[in-house]
Amino acid sequence: MAGPNRGMPATHCYTQADLRPTLKDPRCNPNFPLAAYWPVYLGNFWCDVYTQRTERIQEYFGSKGLLVRMVFSRSGACDPFLKEQKRCQCYDFLVYFVSQQDAHDAVYYCNRDMYYGHRLNVLPGRIPEYFNVSVSVKHSLMQPDKLSEMAEQAFERYIYNICKARMQCIFRHSDTKLLAEYFSPDDRTMALKYCMIAAPELIAMNQQKQRFLERNIENEILASIQASPKLMDMLPPGNILQALMNGFLPQSTMSWKTLSKVPYIRKIRVFGPGKRRKAMRQQIYQQAKQLFGVDCDKEFPMSEEVRESKKQRNLEMKKLKKQSNVG
């Protein structure tokens, strides 16, 4: 599935004055320390070394010609979901830019961009964006403990390969639930008919896509600034800052474009005794019918990989049987 592929924003020379903006967002409390900066919500950002998260975010946006000033990440004490994110190595942050235009460009050019095989969610950091309920589903994983590799991108790949349905976006707000918005009602119907690893639920009318906005964690931000005033002096690494202030794109291998860090799952399925699996599927059938009016297809389709695997296994069994008969 192709992303927006909108190209890149035009680069310009940042100045020292740009690094300390004075024009404040009128929607903010004028006394809020970050009122003159413009945040975006960055979700599904893969990072295998958590201590390097800020530099990697600055490098990624720098490759687009955008200068990141501050990156705010929540602590485990305030955000229990951080433990789950560390297991999947996919995180969400508030990323602050020096101008409203930069924040707008970040959303326009980077949302759904591919980063190490994961599609980024880049949305406004102060204004909520809501799901279109007519094409959206809340998928509740039947066995989240068994499907521990189920990051957003792995689930999206499953839906595309098995259900032949296209997603417009997907967000994970808890360890058991994935919120998906599909391209069309037909795509949603296909997902409902064939998805056998998660029970479908309705999405609330006012369900926002961002897991949090600045206003939701303002006290956490203030506490972080008070504990570490140097947060306000955060700048990109020297080579990135120098390039952007000279109007050039920083040199980077941009390995995130070619390498995929999405966990490979050979077969995604519900585990357990036959009766238990049957009961779980029955729950999926009932909720799809009652909540969405969709009849699930009991003849569950297989991906080409699984079909080929079964074919090879059958051939091997026939070969062994033939050899045993000859003996």
C-alpha atoms as a PDB file:
ATOM      1  CA  MET A   1       0.000   0.000   0.000  1.00  0.00           C
ATOM      2  CA  ALA A   2       1.453   3.316  -1.080  1.00  0.00           C
ATOM      3  CA  GLY A   3       1.632   6.246   1.286  1.00  0.00           C
ATOM      4  CA  PRO A   4       0.735   9.815   0.315  1.00  0.00           C
ATOM      5  CA  ASN A   5       4.092  10.285  -1.483  1.00  0.00           C
ATOM      6  CA  ARG A   6       3.653  14.046  -1.536  1.00  0.00           C
ATOM      7  CA  GLY A   7       7.325  14.814  -1.991  1.00  0.00           C
ATOM      8  CA  MET A   8       9.124  17.116   0.423  1.00  0.00           C
ATOM      9  CA  PRO A   9       8.683  20.641   1.744  1.00  0.00           C
ATOM     10  CA  ALA A  10      10.867  23.326   0.229  1.00  0.00           C
ATOM     11  CA  THR A  11      14.035  23.839   2.276  1.00  0.00           C
ATOM     12  CA  HIS A  12      14.936  27.253   3.619  1.00  0.00           C
ATOM     13  CA  CYS A  13      17.701  28.715   5.757  1.00  0.00           C
ATOM     14  CA  TYR A  14      16.825  28.725   9.439  1.00  0.00           C
ATOM     15  CA  THR A  15      18.183  31.633  11.476  1.00  0.00           C
ATOM     16  CA  GLN A  16      19.055  32.089  15.130  1.00  0.00           C
ATOM     17  CA  ALA A  17      15.840  34.081  15.483  1.00  0.00           C
ATOM     18  CA  ASP A  18      13.864  31.084  14.154  1.00  0.00           C
ATOM     19  CA  LEU A  19      15.196  28.965  17.001  1.00  0.00           C
ATOM     20  CA  ARG A  20      13.544  31.268  19.560  1.00  0.00           C
ATOM     21  CA  PRO A  21      10.112  32.112  18.133  1.00  0.00           C
ATOM     22  CA  THR A  22       8.069  34.777  19.878  1.00  0.00           C
ATOM     23  CA  LEU A  23       4.720  34.532  18.070  1.00  0.00           C
ATOM     24  CA  LYS A  24       2.517  32.471  20.391  1.00  0.00           C
ATOM     25  CA  ASP A  25      -0.344  30.217  19.439  1.00  0.00           C
ATOM     26  CA  PRO A  26      -3.488  32.120  20.530  1.00  0.00           C
ATOM     27  CA  ARG A  27      -5.099  28.847  21.583  1.00  0.00           C
ATOM     28  CA  CYS A  28      -2.481  28.406  24.317  1.00  0.00           C
ATOM     29  CA  ASN A  29      -2.160  29.949  27.728  1.00  0.00           C
ATOM     30  CA  PRO A  30       0.352  32.770  27.046  1.00  0.00           C
ATOM     31  CA  ASN A  31       2.295  31.732  30.149  1.00  0.00           C
ATOM     32  CA  PHE A  32       2.794  28.181  28.875  1.00  0.00           C
ATOM     33  CA  PRO A  33       6.545  27.827  28.099  1.00  0.00           C
ATOM     34  CA  LEU A  34       5.912  26.102  24.753  1.00  0.00           C
ATOM     35  CA  ALA A  35       3.139  28.417  23.524  1.00  0.00           C
ATOM     36  CA  ALA A  36       5.401  29.842  20.789  1.00  0.00           C
ATOM     37  CA  TYR A  37       6.298  26.382  19.467  1.00  0.00           C
ATOM     38  CA  TRP A  38       4.087  24.142  17.324  1.00  0.00           C
ATOM     39  CA  PRO A  39       3.690  20.454  18.179  1.00  0.00           C
ATOM     40  CA  VAL A  40       2.710  17.440  16.129  1.00  0.00           C
ATOM     41  CA  TYR A  41       1.701  14.060  17.484  1.00  0.00           C
ATOM     42  CA  LEU A  42       4.136  11.421  16.219  1.00  0.00           C
ATOM     43  CA  GLY A  43       2.952   7.833  16.585  1.00  0.00           C
ATOM     44  CA  ASN A  44       4.181   4.362  15.598  1.00  0.00           C
ATOM     45  CA  PHE A  45       7.800   5.547  15.582  1.00  0.00           C
ATOM     46  CA  TRP A  46      10.125   2.527  15.713  1.00  0.00           C
ATOM     47  CA  CYS A  47      13.240   2.898  17.879  1.00  0.00           C
ATOM     48  CA  ASP A  48      15.320  -0.016  19.125  1.00  0.00           C
ATOM     49  CA  VAL A  49      17.507   2.156  21.382  1.00  0.00           C
ATOM     50  CA  TYR A  50      15.114   4.258  23.451  1.00  0.00           C
ATOM     51  CA  THR A  51      17.811   6.642  24.679  1.00  0.00           C
ATOM     52  CA  GLN A  52      18.440   7.677  21.058  1.00  0.00           C
ATOM     53  CA  ARG A  53      14.805   8.557  20.330  1.00  0.00           C
ATOM     54  CA  THR A  54      15.281  12.337  20.227  1.00  0.00           C
ATOM     55  CA  GLU A  55      18.254  12.276  17.857  1.00  0.00           C
ATOM     56  CA  ARG A  56      16.522   9.818  15.541  1.00  0.00           C
ATOM     57  CA  ILE A  57      13.381  11.931  15.386  1.00  0.00           C
ATOM     58  CA  GLN A  58      15.451  15.036  14.670  1.00  0.00           C
ATOM     59  CA  GLU A  59      17.365  13.138  11.983  1.00  0.00           C
ATOM     60  CA  TYR A  60      14.172  11.872  10.320  1.00  0.00           C
ATOM     61  CA  PHE A  61      12.451  15.269  10.144  1.00  0.00           C
ATOM     62  CA  GLY A  62      15.767  16.918   9.287  1.00  0.00           C
ATOM     63  CA  SER A  63      15.919  14.698   6.192  1.00  0.00           C
ATOM     64  CA  LYS A  64      12.686  16.410   5.137  1.00  0.00           C
ATOM     65  CA  GLY A  65      14.186  19.873   5.685  1.00  0.00           C
ATOM     66  CA  LEU A  66      12.345  20.402   8.989  1.00  0.00           C
ATOM     67  CA  LEU A  67      14.066  21.543  12.192  1.00  0.00           C
ATOM     68  CA  VAL A  68      12.841  19.883  15.385  1.00  0.00           C
ATOM     69  CA  ARG A  69      13.397  21.843  18.593  1.00  0.00           C
ATOM     70  CA  MET A  70      11.939  19.700  21.353  1.00  0.00           C
ATOM     71  CA  VAL A  71      10.729  16.126  21.665  1.00  0.00           C
ATOM     72  CA  PHE A  72       8.531  15.249  24.623  1.00  0.00           C
ATOM     73  CA  SER A  73       8.180  11.607  25.635  1.00  0.00           C
ATOM     74  CA  ARG A  74       5.971  10.486  28.484  1.00  0.00           C
ATOM     75  CA  SER A  75       7.315   8.616  31.487  1.00  0.00           C
ATOM     76  CA  GLY A  76       6.246   5.170  32.582  1.00  0.00           C
ATOM     77  CA  ALA A  77       4.975   6.615  35.865  1.00  0.00           C
ATOM     78  CA  CYS A  78       2.408   8.730  33.988  1.00  0.00           C
ATOM     79  CA  ASP A  79       1.792   6.421  31.053  1.00  0.00           C
ATOM     80  CA  PRO A  80       1.410   2.685  31.822  1.00  0.00           C
ATOM     81  CA  PHE A  81       1.177   1.978  28.067  1.00  0.00           C
ATOM     82  CA  LEU A  82       4.873   2.863  27.721  1.00  0.00           C
ATOM     83  CA  LYS A  83       5.737  -0.650  28.951  1.00  0.00           C
ATOM     84  CA  GLU A  84       3.837  -2.161  26.045  1.00  0.00           C
ATOM     85  CA  GLN A  85       5.430   0.282  23.615  1.00  0.00           C
ATOM     86  CA  LYS A  86       8.914  -0.661  24.802  1.00  0.00           C
ATOM     87  CA  ARG A  87       8.132  -4.297  24.105  1.00  0.00           C
ATOM     88  CA  CYS A  88       7.003  -3.484  20.544  1.00  0.00           C
ATOM     89  CA  GLN A  89       9.649  -0.729  20.197  1.00  0.00           C
ATOM     90  CA  CYS A  90       7.030   1.576  18.636  1.00  0.00           C
ATOM     91  CA  TYR A  91       6.397   4.848  20.500  1.00  0.00           C
ATOM     92  CA  ASP A  92       4.438   8.073  20.362  1.00  0.00           C
ATOM     93  CA  PHE A  93       5.691  11.581  21.162  1.00  0.00           C
ATOM     94  CA  LEU A  94       4.946  15.265  20.900  1.00  0.00           C
ATOM     95  CA  VAL A  95       7.443  16.849  18.505  1.00  0.00           C
ATOM     96  CA  TYR A  96       7.832  20.654  18.592  1.00  0.00           C
ATOM     97  CA  PHE A  97       8.691  22.809  15.570  1.00  0.00           C
ATOM     98  CA  VAL A  98       9.583  26.511  15.422  1.00  0.00           C
ATOM     99  CA  SER A  99       6.688  27.597  13.200  1.00  0.00           C
ATOM    100  CA  GLN A 100       3.109  26.735  12.367  1.00  0.00           C
ATOM    101  CA  GLN A 101       4.136  26.155   8.742  1.00  0.00           C
ATOM    102  CA  ASP A 102       6.753  23.588   9.759  1.00  0.00           C
ATOM    103  CA  ALA A 103       4.204  21.705  11.857  1.00  0.00           C
ATOM    104  CA  HIS A 104       1.743  21.802   8.953  1.00  0.00           C
ATOM    105  CA  ASP A 105       4.420  20.520   6.554  1.00  0.00           C
ATOM    106  CA  ALA A 106       5.326  17.707   8.963  1.00  0.00           C
ATOM    107  CA  VAL A 107       1.720  16.482   8.973  1.00  0.00           C
ATOM    108  CA  TYR A 108       1.246  16.956   5.231  1.00  0.00           C
ATOM    109  CA  TYR A 109       4.472  15.324   4.065  1.00  0.00           C
ATOM    110  CA  CYS A 110       5.217  12.769   6.777  1.00  0.00           C
ATOM    111  CA  ASN A 111       1.886  11.241   7.845  1.00  0.00           C
ATOM    112  CA  ARG A 112       1.834   7.583   6.725  1.00  0.00           C
ATOM    113  CA  ASP A 113       5.445   7.811   5.583  1.00  0.00           C
ATOM    114  CA  MET A 114       7.341   4.529   5.971  1.00  0.00           C
ATOM    115  CA  TYR A 115       9.969   4.359   8.712  1.00  0.00           C
ATOM    116  CA  TYR A 116      11.768   1.014   9.039  1.00  0.00           C
ATOM    117  CA  GLY A 117       8.700  -0.739   7.676  1.00  0.00           C
ATOM    118  CA  HIS A 118       6.265   1.011  10.034  1.00  0.00           C
ATOM    119  CA  ARG A 119       3.869   3.676   8.782  1.00  0.00           C
ATOM    120  CA  LEU A 120       4.150   6.828  10.863  1.00  0.00           C
ATOM    121  CA  ASN A 121       1.157   8.648  12.294  1.00  0.00           C
ATOM    122  CA  VAL A 122       1.872  12.385  12.161  1.00  0.00           C
ATOM    123  CA  LEU A 123      -1.066  14.546  13.239  1.00  0.00           C
ATOM    124  CA  PRO A 124      -1.622  17.944  14.883  1.00  0.00           C
ATOM    125  CA  GLY A 125      -0.497  18.029  18.489  1.00  0.00           C
ATOM    126  CA  ARG A 126      -3.054  20.528  19.785  1.00  0.00           C
ATOM    127  CA  ILE A 127      -6.189  19.860  17.725  1.00  0.00           C
ATOM    128  CA  PRO A 128      -7.903  16.451  17.833  1.00  0.00           C
ATOM    129  CA  GLU A 129      -8.595  14.546  14.643  1.00  0.00           C
ATOM    130  CA  TYR A 130     -11.503  12.133  14.825  1.00  0.00           C
ATOM    131  CA  PHE A 131     -12.212   8.794  13.226  1.00  0.00           C
ATOM    132  CA  ASN A 132     -14.777   8.584  10.439  1.00  0.00           C
ATOM    133  CA  VAL A 133     -17.095   6.101  12.146  1.00  0.00           C
ATOM    134  CA  SER A 134     -18.710   5.033   8.858  1.00  0.00           C
ATOM    135  CA  VAL A 135     -15.474   3.307   7.771  1.00  0.00           C
ATOM    136  CA  SER A 136     -13.817   2.570  11.132  1.00  0.00           C
ATOM    137  CA  VAL A 137     -13.589  -0.411  13.486  1.00  0.00           C
ATOM    138  CA  LYS A 138     -12.176  -1.001  16.945  1.00  0.00           C
ATOM    139  CA  HIS A 139     -10.458  -4.396  16.746  1.00  0.00           C
ATOM    140  CA  SER A 140     -10.097  -6.163  20.093  1.00  0.00           C
ATOM    141  CA  LEU A 141      -7.403  -8.861  19.922  1.00  0.00           C
ATOM    142  CA  MET A 142      -8.759 -12.221  21.060  1.00  0.00           C
ATOM    143  CA  GLN A 143      -5.420 -13.357  22.504  1.00  0.00           C
ATOM    144  CA  PRO A 144      -3.182 -10.315  23.042  1.00  0.00           C
ATOM    145  CA  ASP A 145      -0.780 -12.358  25.183  1.00  0.00           C
ATOM    146  CA  LYS A 146      -0.270 -14.875  22.364  1.00  0.00           C
ATOM    147  CA  LEU A 147      -0.073 -12.208  19.651  1.00  0.00           C
ATOM    148  CA  SER A 148       2.712 -10.340  21.382  1.00  0.00           C
ATOM    149  CA  GLU A 149       4.319  -9.330  18.060  1.00  0.00           C
ATOM    150  CA  MET A 150       1.156  -7.600  16.904  1.00  0.00           C
ATOM    151  CA  ALA A 151       2.408  -4.068  16.336  1.00  0.00           C
ATOM    152  CA  GLU A 152       0.191  -1.777  14.278  1.00  0.00           C
ATOM    153  CA  GLN A 153       2.013  -2.538  11.044  1.00  0.00           C
ATOM    154  CA  ALA A 154       1.852  -6.305  11.550  1.00  0.00           C
ATOM    155  CA  PHE A 155      -1.921  -6.086  12.006  1.00  0.00           C
ATOM    156  CA  GLU A 156      -2.290  -3.819   8.960  1.00  0.00           C
ATOM    157  CA  ARG A 157      -0.273  -6.296   6.902  1.00  0.00           C
ATOM    158  CA  TYR A 158      -2.506  -9.136   8.117  1.00  0.00           C
ATOM    159  CA  ILE A 159      -5.656  -7.220   7.161  1.00  0.00           C
ATOM    160  CA  TYR A 160      -4.254  -6.408   3.715  1.00  0.00           C
ATOM    161  CA  ASN A 161      -2.870  -9.882   2.930  1.00  0.00           C
ATOM    162  CA  ILE A 162      -5.678 -11.986   4.386  1.00  0.00           C
ATOM    163  CA  CYS A 163      -8.752  -9.758   4.171  1.00  0.00           C
ATOM    164  CA  LYS A 164      -7.711  -7.785   1.070  1.00  0.00           C
ATOM    165  CA  ALA A 165      -8.770  -4.574   2.822  1.00  0.00           C
ATOM    166  CA  ARG A 166      -6.939  -1.222   2.695  1.00  0.00           C
ATOM    167  CA  MET A 167      -6.453   0.915   5.782  1.00  0.00           C
ATOM    168  CA  GLN A 168      -6.260   4.687   5.830  1.00  0.00           C
ATOM    169  CA  CYS A 169      -4.764   4.703   9.320  1.00  0.00           C
ATOM    170  CA  ILE A 170      -4.344   2.510  12.379  1.00  0.00           C
ATOM    171  CA  PHE A 171      -3.675   3.456  16.003  1.00  0.00           C
ATOM    172  CA  ARG A 172      -3.044   1.395  19.101  1.00  0.00           C
ATOM    173  CA  HIS A 173      -4.347   2.992  22.284  1.00  0.00           C
ATOM    174  CA  SER A 174      -3.958  -0.045  24.555  1.00  0.00           C
ATOM    175  CA  ASP A 175      -2.311  -3.468  24.559  1.00  0.00           C
ATOM    176  CA  THR A 176      -5.526  -5.182  23.397  1.00  0.00           C
ATOM    177  CA  LYS A 177      -7.296  -2.740  21.061  1.00  0.00           C
ATOM    178  CA  LEU A 178      -6.394  -1.426  17.606  1.00  0.00           C
ATOM    179  CA  LEU A 179      -8.399   1.420  16.066  1.00  0.00           C
ATOM    180  CA  ALA A 180      -8.548   1.293  12.272  1.00  0.00           C
ATOM    181  CA  GLU A 181     -10.008   3.606   9.654  1.00  0.00           C
ATOM    182  CA  TYR A 182     -10.473   2.003   6.234  1.00  0.00           C
ATOM    183  CA  PHE A 183     -10.434   3.589   2.798  1.00  0.00           C
ATOM    184  CA  SER A 184     -14.056   2.713   2.016  1.00  0.00           C
ATOM    185  CA  PRO A 185     -17.105   0.878   3.399  1.00  0.00           C
ATOM    186  CA  ASP A 186     -16.209  -2.038   1.122  1.00  0.00           C
ATOM    187  CA  ASP A 187     -12.739  -2.267   2.670  1.00  0.00           C
ATOM    188  CA  ARG A 188     -14.247  -2.276   6.132  1.00  0.00           C
ATOM    189  CA  THR A 189     -16.708  -5.000   5.142  1.00  0.00           C
ATOM    190  CA  MET A 190     -13.900  -7.184   3.815  1.00  0.00           C
ATOM    191  CA  ALA A 191     -12.000  -6.783   7.077  1.00  0.00           C
ATOM    192  CA  LEU A 192     -15.092  -7.676   9.105  1.00  0.00           C
ATOM    193  CA  LYS A 193     -15.809 -10.738   6.970  1.00  0.00           C
ATOM    194  CA  TYR A 194     -12.379 -12.315   7.175  1.00  0.00           C
ATOM    195  CA  CYS A 195     -10.543 -11.055  10.268  1.00  0.00           C
ATOM    196  CA  MET A 196     -10.471 -14.013  12.664  1.00  0.00           C
ATOM    197  CA  ILE A 197      -7.990 -12.822  15.297  1.00  0.00           C
ATOM    198  CA  ALA A 198      -9.875  -9.822  16.719  1.00  0.00           C
ATOM    199  CA  ALA A 199     -13.469  -9.119  17.689  1.00  0.00           C
ATOM    200  CA  PRO A 200     -14.954  -6.011  16.014  1.00  0.00           C
ATOM    201  CA  GLU A 201     -16.425  -3.186  18.097  1.00  0.00           C
ATOM    202  CA  LEU A 202     -17.962   0.179  17.266  1.00  0.00           C
ATOM    203  CA  ILE A 203     -15.823   3.295  17.499  1.00  0.00           C
ATOM    204  CA  ALA A 204     -17.275   6.212  19.470  1.00  0.00           C
ATOM    205  CA  MET A 205     -18.391   9.296  17.535  1.00  0.00           C
ATOM    206  CA  ASN A 206     -15.860  11.479  19.354  1.00  0.00           C
ATOM    207  CA  GLN A 207     -12.950   9.025  19.294  1.00  0.00           C
ATOM    208  CA  GLN A 208      -9.810  11.009  18.525  1.00  0.00           C
ATOM    209  CA  LYS A 209      -6.932   9.455  16.619  1.00  0.00           C
ATOM    210  CA  GLN A 210      -4.143  10.911  18.735  1.00  0.00           C
ATOM    211  CA  ARG A 211      -3.611   8.920  21.927  1.00  0.00           C
ATOM    212  CA  PHE A 212      -2.924  12.215  23.678  1.00  0.00           C
ATOM    213  CA  LEU A 213      -2.718  15.914  22.865  1.00  0.00           C
ATOM    214  CA  GLU A 214      -0.666  18.653  24.483  1.00  0.00           C
ATOM    215  CA  ARG A 215      -3.582  19.720  26.652  1.00  0.00           C
ATOM    216  CA  ASN A 216      -3.935  16.173  28.032  1.00  0.00           C
ATOM    217  CA  ILE A 217      -0.347  16.083  29.325  1.00  0.00           C
ATOM    218  CA  GLU A 218       0.344  19.771  29.970  1.00  0.00           C
ATOM    219  CA  ASN A 219       1.121  19.145  33.635  1.00  0.00           C
ATOM    220  CA  GLU A 220       3.582  16.392  32.696  1.00  0.00           C
ATOM    221  CA  ILE A 221       5.339  18.786  30.312  1.00  0.00           C
ATOM    222  CA  LEU A 222       5.560  21.524  32.943  1.00  0.00           C
ATOM    223  CA  ALA A 223       6.928  19.049  35.479  1.00  0.00           C
ATOM    224  CA  SER A 224       9.580  17.891  32.992  1.00  0.00           C
ATOM    225  CA  ILE A 225      10.657  21.465  32.236  1.00  0.00           C
ATOM    226  CA  GLN A 226      10.882  22.288  35.950  1.00  0.00           C
ATOM    227  CA  ALA A 227      12.927  19.150  36.593  1.00  0.00           C
ATOM    228  CA  SER A 228      15.187  19.750  33.586  1.00  0.00           C
ATOM    229  CA  PRO A 229      15.170  23.379  32.335  1.00  0.00           C
ATOM    230  CA  LYS A 230      17.640  22.369  29.590  1.00  0.00           C
ATOM    231  CA  LEU A 231      14.696  20.788  27.789  1.00  0.00           C
ATOM    232  CA  MET A 232      13.942  24.269  26.427  1.00  0.00           C
ATOM    233  CA  ASP A 233      17.456  24.442  24.944  1.00  0.00           C
ATOM    234  CA  MET A 234      17.135  21.196  23.005  1.00  0.00           C
ATOM    235  CA  LEU A 235      18.541  21.424  19.461  1.00  0.00           C
ATOM    236  CA  PRO A 236      19.260  18.897  16.696  1.00  0.00           C
ATOM    237  CA  PRO A 237      22.777  17.390  16.494  1.00  0.00           C
ATOM    238  CA  GLY A 238      25.394  19.804  15.128  1.00  0.00           C
ATOM    239  CA  ASN A 239      25.614  18.390  11.593  1.00  0.00           C
ATOM    240  CA  ILE A 240      21.820  18.500  11.160  1.00  0.00           C
ATOM    241  CA  LEU A 241      21.487  21.998  12.633  1.00  0.00           C
ATOM    242  CA  GLN A 242      24.320  23.384  10.512  1.00  0.00           C
ATOM    243  CA  ALA A 243      22.905  21.949   7.284  1.00  0.00           C
ATOM    244  CA  LEU A 244      19.407  23.292   7.940  1.00  0.00           C
ATOM    245  CA  MET A 245      20.718  26.737   8.861  1.00  0.00           C
ATOM    246  CA  ASN A 246      22.603  26.782   5.555  1.00  0.00           C
ATOM    247  CA  GLY A 247      19.535  25.751   3.582  1.00  0.00           C
ATOM    248  CA  PHE A 248      20.697  22.195   2.814  1.00  0.00           C
ATOM    249  CA  LEU A 249      19.322  18.765   3.622  1.00  0.00           C
ATOM    250  CA  PRO A 250      21.558  16.977   6.163  1.00  0.00           C
ATOM    251  CA  GLN A 251      23.558  14.037   4.848  1.00  0.00           C
ATOM    252  CA  SER A 252      21.966  10.791   5.964  1.00  0.00           C
ATOM    253  CA  THR A 253      21.916   7.152   4.899  1.00  0.00           C
ATOM    254  CA  MET A 254      18.113   7.217   5.355  1.00  0.00           C
ATOM    255  CA  SER A 255      18.272   3.492   6.061  1.00  0.00           C
ATOM    256  CA  TRP A 256      14.677   3.666   7.302  1.00  0.00           C
ATOM    257  CA  LYS A 257      13.552   3.717   3.651  1.00  0.00           C
ATOM    258  CA  THR A 258      15.002   0.312   2.793  1.00  0.00           C
ATOM    259  CA  LEU A 259      15.145  -1.659   6.053  1.00  0.00           C
ATOM    260  CA  SER A 260      12.048  -3.189   7.631  1.00  0.00           C
ATOM    261  CA  LYS A 261      11.854  -3.800  11.368  1.00  0.00           C
ATOM    262  CA  VAL A 262       8.301  -5.148  11.368  1.00  0.00           C
ATOM    263  CA  PRO A 263       8.340  -8.514  13.181  1.00  0.00           C
ATOM    264  CA  TYR A 264       7.871 -11.412  10.778  1.00  0.00           C
ATOM    265  CA  ILE A 265       5.011 -13.639  11.880  1.00  0.00           C
ATOM    266  CA  ARG A 266       4.730 -16.782   9.782  1.00  0.00           C
ATOM    267  CA  LYS A 267       1.170 -17.552  10.758  1.00  0.00           C
ATOM    268  CA  ILE A 268      -1.185 -15.297  12.693  1.00  0.00           C
ATOM    269  CA  ARG A 269      -3.985 -17.265  14.278  1.00  0.00           C
ATOM    270  CA  VAL A 270      -5.926 -17.942  17.467  1.00  0.00           C
ATOM    271  CA  PHE A 271      -4.391 -20.676  19.614  1.00  0.00           C
ATOM    272  CA  GLY A 272      -5.975 -23.215  21.947  1.00  0.00           C
ATOM    273  CA  PRO A 273      -8.225 -26.294  21.950  1.00  0.00           C
ATOM    274  CA  GLY A 274     -10.811 -26.642  19.211  1.00  0.00           C
ATOM    275  CA  LYS A 275     -13.744 -25.720  21.453  1.00  0.00           C
ATOM    276  CA  ARG A 276     -12.043 -22.564  22.640  1.00  0.00           C
ATOM    277  CA  ARG A 277     -11.153 -21.455  19.123  1.00  0.00           C
ATOM    278  CA  LYS A 278     -14.702 -22.148  17.995  1.00  0.00           C
ATOM    279  CA  ALA A 279     -16.110 -20.055  20.865  1.00  0.00           C
ATOM    280  CA  MET A 280     -13.798 -17.154  19.991  1.00  0.00           C
ATOM    281  CA  ARG A 281     -14.794 -17.246  16.340  1.00  0.00           C
ATOM    282  CA  GLN A 282     -18.442 -17.413  17.315  1.00  0.00           C
ATOM    283  CA  GLN A 283     -17.951 -14.203  19.300  1.00  0.00           C
ATOM    284  CA  ILE A 284     -16.406 -12.572  16.223  1.00  0.00           C
ATOM    285  CA  TYR A 285     -19.301 -13.750  14.019  1.00  0.00           C
ATOM    286  CA  GLN A 286     -21.929 -12.441  16.449  1.00  0.00           C
ATOM    287  CA  GLN A 287     -20.352  -9.016  16.965  1.00  0.00           C
ATOM    288  CA  ALA A 288     -19.783  -8.496  13.230  1.00  0.00           C
ATOM    289  CA  LYS A 289     -23.433  -9.302  12.563  1.00  0.00           C
ATOM    290  CA  GLN A 290     -24.995  -7.471  15.519  1.00  0.00           C
ATOM    291  CA  LEU A 291     -22.867  -4.315  15.400  1.00  0.00           C
ATOM    292  CA  PHE A 292     -22.145  -3.952  11.685  1.00  0.00           C
ATOM    293  CA  GLY A 293     -24.683  -6.172   9.916  1.00  0.00           C
ATOM    294  CA  VAL A 294     -21.894  -8.169   8.249  1.00  0.00           C
ATOM    295  CA  ASP A 295     -21.967 -11.942   7.852  1.00  0.00           C
ATOM    296  CA  CYS A 296     -18.495 -13.389   8.330  1.00  0.00           C
ATOM    297  CA  ASP A 297     -17.219 -15.819   5.738  1.00  0.00           C
ATOM    298  CA  LYS A 298     -16.807 -19.147   7.509  1.00  0.00           C
ATOM    299  CA  GLU A 299     -14.508 -20.352   4.711  1.00  0.00           C
ATOM    300  CA  PHE A 300     -11.559 -18.400   5.993  1.00  0.00           C
ATOM    301  CA  PRO A 301      -9.209 -17.354   3.136  1.00  0.00           C
ATOM    302  CA  MET A 302      -5.495 -18.149   3.227  1.00  0.00           C
ATOM    303  CA  SER A 303      -2.583 -16.000   2.182  1.00  0.00           C
ATOM    304  CA  GLU A 304      -0.474 -17.193  -0.749  1.00  0.00           C
ATOM    305  CA  GLU A 305       2.331 -18.043   1.655  1.00  0.00           C
ATOM    306  CA  VAL A 306       0.133 -20.269   3.812  1.00  0.00           C
ATOM    307  CA  ARG A 307      -1.460 -21.863   0.748  1.00  0.00           C
ATOM    308  CA  GLU A 308       1.953 -22.687  -0.713  1.00  0.00           C
ATOM    309  CA  SER A 309       3.119 -24.071   2.639  1.00  0.00           C
ATOM    310  CA  LYS A 310       0.096 -26.370   2.834  1.00  0.00           C
ATOM    311  CA  LYS A 311       0.667 -27.477  -0.751  1.00  0.00           C
ATOM    312  CA  GLN A 312       4.305 -28.396  -0.039  1.00  0.00           C
ATOM    313  CA  ARG A 313       3.312 -30.226   3.133  1.00  0.00           C
ATOM    314  CA  ASN A 314       0.716 -32.294   1.241  1.00  0.00           C
ATOM    315  CA  LEU A 315       3.268 -33.183  -1.428  1.00  0.00           C
ATOM    316  CA  GLU A 316       5.741 -34.300   1.228  1.00  0.00           C
ATOM    317  CA  MET A 317       3.075 -36.420   2.927  1.00  0.00           C
ATOM    318  CA  LYS A 318       2.184 -38.092  -0.381  1.00  0.00           C
ATOM    319  CA  LYS A 319       5.864 -38.755  -1.062  1.00  0.00           C
ATOM    320  CA  LEU A 320       6.364 -40.326   2.369  1.00  0.00           C
ATOM    321  CA  LYS A 321       3.244 -42.431   1.957  1.00  0.00           C
ATOM    322  CA  LYS A 322       4.404 -43.644  -1.424  1.00  0.00           C
ATOM    323  CA  GLN A 323       7.824 -44.557  -0.043  1.00  0.00           C
ATOM    324  CA  SER A 324       6.269 -46.481   2.846  1.00  0.00           C
ATOM    325  CA  ASN A 325       4.043 -48.431   0.435  1.00  0.00           C
ATOM    326  CA  VAL A 326       7.052 -49.332  -1.707  1.00  0.00           C
ATOM    327  CA  GLY A 327       8.974 -50.517   1.366  1.00  0.00           C
END
